[in-house]
Amino acid sequence: MAASPSYYTDSPSPGPSPDLFRSPAKVYNVLSFGAVGDGATDDTQAFKMAWDIACFQNESAILLAPDDYSFMIQPTVFTGPCKTSLVFQIDGTIMPPDGPESWPTKMSKRQWLVFYRINGMSMQGGGVIDGRGEKWWNLPCKPHKGPNGATLPGPCDSPVAMRFFMSSNLTVQGLKVKNSPQFHFRFDNCQNVTVQMLSIKSPPQSPNTDGIHIENTNNVQIYDSVVSNGDDCVSIGAGCHNVDIKNITCGPSHGISIGSLGVGNSRACVSNITVKDSVIKHSDNGVRIKTWQGGYGSVSKISFHNIQMETVRNPIIIDQYYCQTKTCTNQTSAVHISDILYTSIKGTYDVRSPPLHLACSDSVPCTNLKIAEIELLPARGQIVANPFCWNAYGEMQNLTIPPISCLLDGIPQYTGQNTIDQCQNNLY
């Protein structure tokens, strides 16, 4: 489908990575497709039409949401595959309908913008993605709304702002993202993803507003970004391998987490994850691995290196007893955690919790934990809390502050070898 010449203009400034454009790309400005950009008019069809035309071009294309405009878009699926590489250039502001009452009655309340079966797309620009999440956070069902953390009856679904599903060779960079109703970004069943130079910001009490969540997604780079929100800055779900996280400033938040894994007795395989050269501040957790009892599979080959903690409640935590109610029962099956390296983790911790908390499964111990160059001091007071270990096997490779004497030596009688082999032979 050929575009009318009025549908495109000269290329805009391409944003953070001009080298993306090896040849001139046609620009499809949503204003040329009828978008108003006043923040109130429904501009969905203009974006859909611009996407459909840009997607089916035989040459590189740029879909442009220009500066100085605010575009309201209804929940939408942008579908590929496209014929060539596509840039979604957000220089203005894009936003969803304002809260549950404004959401289309026949549309899912679990997602806003979905990118499905896209290969080779860059979402970038100097603009803003505003999730307008406050009315969603204030639903009576949200944990912080009821007495003592209790939830009240009523609808609770809240949309993920940006979801990429079954897509590959993706870049997201340079944007400001704020106030998502739920997760800001979610990548499901994706390959080759680069996320960089993002600013993600939501209030500390906003529920389930993870900054970047990945699930069944491989070969991921998350670099040079600032995340402040009400849940994990980055969360890594089951089926993720080869993930590199670097130069993240995180907090207030719930930290950087692998998990939760194994919910509902499910299988989880996660491996080759590196988190380094980052700062975590004023957060409930620092670097965390969390699993439910009853799951199976493995978490292995994880490295946390050169991370600065600033008043973090649980700087280093493994929690294999993760439970969101008071009724979780003990189970013998567990995701096996092994080959975890913690090096050069320094700073201060909130004295309400120990600086290091390794709570491993009763029946499937954590194995081959290696700890070196840890210097964690109380943010207030002089008393250095003792680390906590339970069924955690590993070694302290040099003196640490505080001393970590609770690690168990050697190899336990049961190492969960069967579950490890299963993951290695059946990678997602």
Protein backbone atom coordinates (compact mmCIF):
# COMPACT_ATOMS: atom_id res chain seq x y z
CA MET A 1 0.00 0.00 0.00
CA ALA A 2 1.62 3.21 -1.15
CA ALA A 3 1.47 6.32 0.95
CA SER A 4 0.39 9.71 -0.31
CA PRO A 5 3.27 12.22 -0.30
CA SER A 6 1.35 14.23 2.31
CA TYR A 7 1.79 11.37 4.77
CA TYR A 8 5.46 11.95 5.23
CA THR A 9 7.91 14.78 5.65
CA ASP A 10 11.65 15.13 5.97
CA SER A 11 13.15 12.86 8.61
CA PRO A 12 13.03 14.27 12.15
CA SER A 13 15.96 14.22 14.47
CA PRO A 14 16.23 10.46 15.05
CA GLY A 15 16.92 10.66 18.78
CA PRO A 16 19.70 8.88 20.64
CA SER A 17 21.03 6.67 17.83
CA PRO A 18 21.33 8.34 14.43
CA ASP A 19 23.24 5.30 13.17
CA LEU A 20 19.95 3.38 13.07
CA PHE A 21 19.20 5.09 9.79
CA ARG A 22 21.60 3.78 7.17
CA SER A 23 19.32 5.06 4.40
CA PRO A 24 16.75 7.85 4.34
CA ALA A 25 13.54 6.77 6.02
CA LYS A 26 10.09 8.04 5.18
CA VAL A 27 8.30 9.69 8.07
CA TYR A 28 4.64 8.98 8.77
CA ASN A 29 3.47 11.80 11.02
CA VAL A 30 0.28 10.87 12.89
CA LEU A 31 -0.98 14.46 12.43
CA SER A 32 -1.18 13.71 8.70
CA PHE A 33 -3.53 10.82 9.48
CA GLY A 34 -5.97 12.92 11.47
CA ALA A 35 -4.49 12.91 14.97
CA VAL A 36 -5.42 16.02 16.95
CA GLY A 37 -2.96 15.77 19.85
CA ASP A 38 -4.92 17.80 22.37
CA GLY A 39 -4.81 15.13 25.09
CA ALA A 40 -8.58 14.59 24.99
CA THR A 41 -9.50 13.57 21.44
CA ASP A 42 -9.26 9.87 20.63
CA ASP A 43 -6.27 9.60 18.30
CA THR A 44 -6.22 5.78 18.13
CA GLN A 45 -7.25 5.42 14.50
CA ALA A 46 -4.62 7.90 13.32
CA PHE A 47 -1.91 5.85 15.02
CA LYS A 48 -3.33 2.58 13.67
CA MET A 49 -3.50 3.92 10.12
CA ALA A 50 0.02 5.37 10.29
CA TRP A 51 1.30 2.06 11.69
CA ASP A 52 -0.39 -0.05 9.01
CA ILE A 53 0.98 2.04 6.17
CA ALA A 54 4.50 2.36 7.63
CA CYS A 55 4.61 -1.35 8.46
CA PHE A 56 3.94 -2.42 4.87
CA GLN A 57 6.55 -0.23 3.20
CA ASN A 58 9.49 -1.87 1.47
CA GLU A 59 11.86 0.75 2.83
CA SER A 60 12.69 1.97 6.34
CA ALA A 61 9.88 3.94 7.94
CA ILE A 62 9.41 6.23 10.92
CA LEU A 63 6.07 6.58 12.68
CA LEU A 64 6.23 10.01 14.31
CA ALA A 65 4.29 11.34 17.30
CA PRO A 66 5.63 14.91 17.13
CA ASP A 67 6.75 17.23 19.91
CA ASP A 68 4.36 19.68 21.58
CA TYR A 69 1.33 17.38 21.24
CA SER A 70 -0.40 14.99 23.65
CA PHE A 71 -2.06 11.98 22.08
CA MET A 72 -4.72 9.88 23.79
CA ILE A 73 -4.70 6.30 22.50
CA GLN A 74 -7.20 3.57 23.40
CA PRO A 75 -5.91 0.05 24.20
CA THR A 76 -4.45 -1.18 20.93
CA VAL A 77 -2.46 -4.04 19.41
CA PHE A 78 0.14 -3.03 16.83
CA THR A 79 0.70 -6.15 14.76
CA GLY A 80 3.58 -7.29 12.56
CA PRO A 81 5.58 -8.62 11.01
CA CYS A 82 6.48 -5.50 9.07
CA LYS A 83 8.24 -5.63 5.72
CA THR A 84 11.27 -3.71 6.98
CA SER A 85 12.69 -2.05 10.08
CA LEU A 86 10.40 0.44 11.75
CA VAL A 87 11.05 3.33 14.13
CA PHE A 88 8.31 4.47 16.51
CA GLN A 89 9.49 8.00 17.26
CA ILE A 90 7.77 9.50 20.31
CA ASP A 91 8.70 13.16 20.67
CA GLY A 92 5.39 14.32 22.14
CA THR A 93 3.31 12.67 24.89
CA ILE A 94 1.17 9.57 24.50
CA MET A 95 -1.36 8.48 27.12
CA PRO A 96 -4.23 6.02 27.65
CA PRO A 97 -7.81 6.79 28.74
CA ASP A 98 -7.91 8.27 32.22
CA GLY A 99 -8.65 5.41 34.60
CA PRO A 100 -10.96 2.36 34.79
CA GLU A 101 -14.17 4.37 34.26
CA SER A 102 -12.85 5.73 30.96
CA TRP A 103 -11.60 2.35 29.68
CA PRO A 104 -13.56 0.83 26.76
CA THR A 105 -15.97 -1.72 28.24
CA LYS A 106 -15.19 -4.45 25.71
CA MET A 107 -11.40 -4.07 25.89
CA SER A 108 -9.07 -5.96 28.22
CA LYS A 109 -8.06 -4.03 31.29
CA ARG A 110 -4.76 -5.94 31.45
CA GLN A 111 -2.88 -4.12 28.71
CA TRP A 112 -2.72 -0.80 26.91
CA LEU A 113 -0.31 -0.84 23.97
CA VAL A 114 0.79 -4.25 22.67
CA PHE A 115 3.39 -4.87 19.98
CA TYR A 116 2.88 -8.36 18.54
CA ARG A 117 5.18 -10.32 16.21
CA ILE A 118 7.44 -7.36 15.48
CA ASN A 119 10.96 -7.99 14.16
CA GLY A 120 13.36 -5.06 14.04
CA MET A 121 11.72 -2.08 15.72
CA SER A 122 13.11 0.87 17.65
CA MET A 123 10.88 2.82 20.02
CA GLN A 124 12.66 6.04 20.85
CA GLY A 125 12.57 9.79 21.18
CA GLY A 126 12.60 12.59 23.68
CA GLY A 127 8.91 12.35 24.52
CA VAL A 128 6.81 10.98 27.38
CA ILE A 129 4.70 7.87 27.85
CA ASP A 130 2.24 8.84 30.61
CA GLY A 131 0.31 5.85 31.96
CA ARG A 132 -2.11 7.98 34.03
CA GLY A 133 -2.08 5.28 36.67
CA GLU A 134 -3.39 7.00 39.78
CA LYS A 135 -7.05 5.96 39.41
CA TRP A 136 -5.94 2.35 38.88
CA TRP A 137 -3.72 2.40 41.97
CA ASN A 138 -6.66 3.62 44.02
CA LEU A 139 -8.98 0.72 43.19
CA PRO A 140 -10.31 -0.75 46.47
CA CYS A 141 -8.70 -4.12 45.64
CA LYS A 142 -5.16 -2.73 45.81
CA PRO A 143 -3.21 -3.85 48.90
CA HIS A 144 -2.40 -0.37 50.17
CA LYS A 145 -6.06 0.68 50.13
CA GLY A 146 -7.52 -1.82 52.61
CA PRO A 147 -6.94 -1.91 56.39
CA ASN A 148 -3.58 -3.42 57.36
CA GLY A 149 -2.78 -4.32 53.77
CA ALA A 150 -6.04 -6.23 53.26
CA THR A 151 -7.64 -6.16 49.84
CA LEU A 152 -11.28 -5.19 49.36
CA PRO A 153 -13.63 -6.84 46.85
CA GLY A 154 -14.07 -5.48 43.37
CA PRO A 155 -12.38 -5.53 39.95
CA CYS A 156 -8.61 -5.42 40.12
CA ASP A 157 -7.19 -5.84 36.60
CA SER A 158 -4.85 -2.99 35.70
CA PRO A 159 -3.09 -2.53 32.36
CA VAL A 160 0.58 -2.97 31.57
CA ALA A 161 1.59 0.20 29.72
CA MET A 162 3.83 -1.23 26.97
CA ARG A 163 3.90 -4.94 26.17
CA PHE A 164 6.04 -6.61 23.53
CA PHE A 165 4.93 -10.16 22.70
CA MET A 166 6.62 -12.74 20.46
CA SER A 167 8.93 -10.09 18.99
CA SER A 168 12.64 -9.83 18.23
CA ASN A 169 15.47 -7.37 17.57
CA LEU A 170 13.88 -4.60 19.61
CA THR A 171 15.36 -1.36 20.91
CA VAL A 172 13.66 0.95 23.41
CA GLN A 173 15.64 4.08 24.24
CA GLY A 174 15.63 7.67 25.34
CA LEU A 175 12.05 7.95 26.57
CA LYS A 176 10.52 9.22 29.78
CA VAL A 177 7.90 6.80 31.10
CA LYS A 178 5.77 7.56 34.12
CA ASN A 179 2.80 6.51 36.22
CA SER A 180 1.95 3.20 34.61
CA PRO A 181 -1.20 1.53 36.01
CA GLN A 182 0.83 -1.68 36.37
CA PHE A 183 4.18 -2.74 34.80
CA HIS A 184 5.73 0.01 32.69
CA PHE A 185 7.34 -2.37 30.16
CA ARG A 186 6.81 -6.09 29.74
CA PHE A 187 8.61 -8.35 27.27
CA ASP A 188 7.09 -11.82 26.74
CA ASN A 189 8.59 -14.48 24.47
CA CYS A 190 11.01 -12.01 22.89
CA GLN A 191 14.57 -12.30 21.56
CA ASN A 192 17.39 -9.76 21.25
CA VAL A 193 16.12 -6.80 23.25
CA THR A 194 18.03 -3.61 24.10
CA VAL A 195 16.60 -1.14 26.61
CA GLN A 196 18.71 1.95 27.34
CA MET A 197 18.66 5.55 28.45
CA LEU A 198 15.16 5.37 29.92
CA SER A 199 13.69 7.38 32.77
CA ILE A 200 10.91 5.43 34.51
CA LYS A 201 9.13 7.10 37.40
CA SER A 202 6.08 6.27 39.53
CA PRO A 203 5.34 6.97 43.21
CA PRO A 204 6.85 4.60 45.81
CA GLN A 205 3.36 3.46 46.89
CA SER A 206 2.09 2.66 43.40
CA PRO A 207 1.32 -1.11 43.41
CA ASN A 208 2.87 -3.56 40.92
CA THR A 209 4.50 -0.85 38.85
CA ASP A 210 7.61 -2.85 37.89
CA GLY A 211 9.84 -0.79 35.62
CA ILE A 212 10.94 -3.48 33.17
CA HIS A 213 9.66 -7.06 33.38
CA ILE A 214 10.90 -9.87 31.13
CA GLU A 215 9.46 -13.38 30.81
CA ASN A 216 10.55 -16.21 28.47
CA THR A 217 12.84 -13.63 26.88
CA ASN A 218 16.50 -14.15 25.91
CA ASN A 219 19.51 -12.04 24.95
CA VAL A 220 18.53 -8.85 26.75
CA GLN A 221 20.55 -5.71 27.48
CA ILE A 222 19.23 -3.16 29.98
CA TYR A 223 21.62 -0.22 30.28
CA ASP A 224 22.03 3.36 31.49
CA SER A 225 18.58 3.96 32.93
CA VAL A 226 16.96 5.49 36.02
CA VAL A 227 13.98 3.74 37.62
CA SER A 228 11.95 4.93 40.61
CA ASN A 229 8.67 3.14 41.28
CA GLY A 230 6.49 1.09 43.63
CA ASP A 231 7.82 -2.37 42.80
CA ASP A 232 10.89 -3.97 41.19
CA CYS A 233 13.04 -1.73 38.99
CA VAL A 234 13.77 -4.79 36.87
CA SER A 235 12.08 -8.16 37.33
CA ILE A 236 13.15 -11.35 35.59
CA GLY A 237 10.61 -14.14 35.22
CA ALA A 238 10.79 -17.77 34.15
CA GLY A 239 12.45 -18.76 30.90
CA CYS A 240 14.96 -15.88 30.75
CA HIS A 241 18.58 -16.47 29.72
CA ASN A 242 21.52 -14.24 28.78
CA VAL A 243 20.47 -10.98 30.41
CA ASP A 244 22.95 -8.14 31.01
CA ILE A 245 21.90 -5.28 33.30
CA LYS A 246 24.36 -2.39 33.72
CA ASN A 247 24.46 1.17 35.04
CA ILE A 248 20.97 1.27 36.51
CA THR A 249 20.01 3.78 39.20
CA CYS A 250 17.17 2.12 41.06
CA GLY A 251 14.97 3.46 43.85
CA PRO A 252 12.91 4.06 45.76
CA SER A 253 11.69 0.64 44.67
CA HIS A 254 11.70 -3.05 45.54
CA GLY A 255 15.12 -3.52 43.94
CA ILE A 256 16.29 -5.76 41.09
CA SER A 257 14.66 -9.19 41.29
CA ILE A 258 14.85 -12.61 39.73
CA GLY A 259 11.36 -13.98 40.30
CA SER A 260 9.06 -14.66 41.75
CA LEU A 261 9.47 -18.13 40.25
CA GLY A 262 7.65 -21.43 40.63
CA VAL A 263 4.19 -20.12 41.50
CA GLY A 264 1.50 -22.80 41.40
CA ASN A 265 4.09 -25.61 41.32
CA SER A 266 5.33 -24.38 37.93
CA ARG A 267 8.68 -24.92 36.23
CA ALA A 268 11.19 -22.08 36.06
CA CYS A 269 14.54 -22.01 34.28
CA VAL A 270 16.69 -18.87 34.51
CA SER A 271 20.41 -18.64 33.74
CA ASN A 272 23.28 -16.35 32.74
CA ILE A 273 22.10 -13.12 34.35
CA THR A 274 24.54 -10.29 35.14
CA VAL A 275 23.75 -7.19 37.17
CA LYS A 276 26.66 -4.74 37.61
CA ASP A 277 27.82 -1.15 38.03
CA SER A 278 24.52 0.01 39.49
CA VAL A 279 23.06 1.95 42.44
CA ILE A 280 20.07 0.86 44.53
CA LYS A 281 18.77 3.38 47.05
CA HIS A 282 15.98 3.74 49.61
CA SER A 283 14.49 0.42 48.54
CA ASP A 284 12.85 -2.56 50.23
CA ASN A 285 15.34 -4.90 48.56
CA GLY A 286 18.64 -4.69 46.74
CA VAL A 287 19.44 -7.75 44.61
CA ARG A 288 16.84 -10.46 45.18
CA ILE A 289 16.05 -14.00 44.09
CA LYS A 290 12.55 -15.08 45.15
CA THR A 291 10.79 -18.40 44.58
CA TRP A 292 7.59 -20.05 45.74
CA GLN A 293 7.65 -23.41 47.47
CA GLY A 294 6.50 -26.25 45.23
CA GLY A 295 8.09 -24.99 42.03
CA TYR A 296 10.86 -26.80 40.17
CA GLY A 297 13.65 -26.03 37.71
CA SER A 298 16.72 -23.92 38.42
CA VAL A 299 18.28 -20.48 38.75
CA SER A 300 21.98 -20.66 37.89
CA LYS A 301 25.00 -18.65 36.74
CA ILE A 302 23.94 -15.32 38.23
CA SER A 303 26.43 -12.51 38.92
CA PHE A 304 25.84 -9.38 41.00
CA HIS A 305 28.92 -7.11 40.81
CA ASN A 306 29.86 -3.56 41.84
CA ILE A 307 26.55 -2.45 43.27
CA GLN A 308 26.21 0.50 45.64
CA MET A 309 23.48 0.27 48.26
CA GLU A 310 22.03 3.37 49.93
CA THR A 311 19.69 2.68 52.89
CA VAL A 312 18.36 -0.58 51.46
CA ARG A 313 16.35 -2.84 53.75
CA ASN A 314 17.50 -6.22 52.30
CA PRO A 315 20.64 -5.52 50.23
CA ILE A 316 21.26 -9.21 49.42
CA ILE A 317 18.33 -11.58 49.66
CA ILE A 318 17.37 -15.09 48.56
CA ASP A 319 13.83 -15.94 49.61
CA GLN A 320 12.65 -19.45 48.73
CA TYR A 321 9.60 -19.07 50.97
CA TYR A 322 7.99 -16.27 48.99
CA CYS A 323 4.28 -16.05 49.83
CA GLN A 324 1.73 -13.29 49.43
CA THR A 325 -0.68 -14.64 52.03
CA LYS A 326 -0.38 -16.25 55.47
CA THR A 327 -1.65 -19.62 54.25
CA CYS A 328 1.23 -20.95 52.10
CA THR A 329 2.08 -24.52 53.12
CA ASN A 330 5.50 -26.12 53.26
CA GLN A 331 6.36 -28.17 50.18
CA THR A 332 9.33 -30.38 49.36
CA SER A 333 9.81 -29.36 45.73
CA ALA A 334 11.75 -26.15 45.02
CA VAL A 335 13.53 -24.26 42.28
CA HIS A 336 17.22 -25.09 42.72
CA ILE A 337 19.45 -22.02 43.16
CA SER A 338 23.15 -22.50 42.33
CA ASP A 339 26.26 -20.73 41.07
CA ILE A 340 25.42 -17.27 42.38
CA LEU A 341 28.26 -14.72 42.64
CA TYR A 342 28.07 -11.61 44.82
CA THR A 343 31.12 -9.33 44.52
CA SER A 344 31.83 -5.72 45.48
CA ILE A 345 28.45 -4.91 47.00
CA LYS A 346 28.91 -1.94 49.32
CA GLY A 347 26.98 0.78 51.11
CA THR A 348 24.36 1.05 53.82
CA TYR A 349 21.34 -0.93 54.92
CA ASP A 350 18.14 -0.23 56.83
CA VAL A 351 18.66 -1.84 60.24
CA ARG A 352 15.12 -3.31 60.33
CA SER A 353 16.48 -6.29 58.37
CA PRO A 354 19.86 -8.06 58.19
CA PRO A 355 22.17 -6.96 55.38
CA LEU A 356 22.28 -10.48 53.97
CA HIS A 357 19.34 -12.90 54.07
CA LEU A 358 19.74 -16.30 52.40
CA ALA A 359 16.63 -18.38 53.12
CA CYS A 360 16.96 -21.52 50.99
CA SER A 361 14.59 -24.45 50.68
CA ASP A 362 14.56 -27.10 53.42
CA SER A 363 14.76 -29.90 50.86
CA VAL A 364 16.67 -28.27 47.95
CA PRO A 365 19.59 -26.24 49.36
CA CYS A 366 21.22 -23.32 47.56
CA THR A 367 24.64 -24.40 46.31
CA ASN A 368 27.88 -22.77 45.20
CA LEU A 369 27.15 -19.29 46.49
CA LYS A 370 30.31 -17.16 46.29
CA ILE A 371 30.64 -13.92 48.25
CA ALA A 372 33.50 -11.43 48.09
CA GLU A 373 34.16 -7.74 48.82
CA ILE A 374 30.97 -7.09 50.76
CA GLU A 375 30.93 -3.91 52.87
CA LEU A 376 27.48 -3.17 54.27
CA LEU A 377 27.09 -0.87 57.25
CA PRO A 378 23.97 0.28 59.10
CA ALA A 379 22.50 3.51 57.75
CA ARG A 380 21.78 4.52 61.36
CA GLY A 381 23.35 3.45 64.62
CA GLN A 382 26.45 1.42 65.34
CA ILE A 383 25.12 -2.12 65.69
CA VAL A 384 26.00 -4.32 62.75
CA ALA A 385 23.25 -6.92 62.28
CA ASN A 386 24.22 -10.56 61.79
CA PRO A 387 23.60 -12.07 58.35
CA PHE A 388 20.95 -14.79 58.14
CA CYS A 389 21.50 -18.08 56.30
CA TRP A 390 19.31 -21.17 56.06
CA ASN A 391 20.45 -24.23 54.10
CA ALA A 392 22.81 -22.07 52.03
CA TYR A 393 26.05 -23.67 50.81
CA GLY A 394 28.94 -21.64 49.53
CA GLU A 395 32.12 -19.77 50.37
CA MET A 396 33.19 -16.35 51.55
CA GLN A 397 36.25 -15.56 49.44
CA ASN A 398 37.62 -12.78 51.63
CA LEU A 399 36.74 -10.86 54.76
CA THR A 400 33.42 -9.10 54.60
CA ILE A 401 31.59 -6.46 56.62
CA PRO A 402 29.70 -7.85 58.40
CA PRO A 403 31.44 -11.26 58.62
CA ILE A 404 29.35 -13.98 56.99
CA SER A 405 29.92 -17.11 59.06
CA CYS A 406 26.55 -18.77 58.44
CA LEU A 407 27.30 -20.26 55.01
CA LEU A 408 27.60 -24.04 54.99
CA ASP A 409 30.70 -25.65 53.50
CA GLY A 410 30.89 -28.24 50.79
CA ILE A 411 28.21 -29.89 48.71
CA PRO A 412 24.96 -31.04 50.32
CA GLN A 413 23.80 -34.60 50.05
CA TYR A 414 21.04 -33.58 47.67
CA THR A 415 21.91 -30.98 45.03
CA GLY A 416 18.81 -31.09 42.88
CA GLN A 417 20.84 -32.39 39.94
CA ASN A 418 17.78 -33.78 38.19
CA THR A 419 16.09 -30.40 38.00
CA ILE A 420 19.26 -28.72 36.71
CA ASP A 421 19.67 -31.27 33.93
CA GLN A 422 16.05 -30.80 32.98
CA CYS A 423 16.52 -27.05 32.54
CA GLN A 424 19.74 -27.43 30.57
CA ASN A 425 18.18 -29.91 28.20
CA ASN A 426 14.98 -27.94 27.69
CA LEU A 427 15.95 -24.29 27.39
CA TYR A 428 13.13 -22.01 26.38
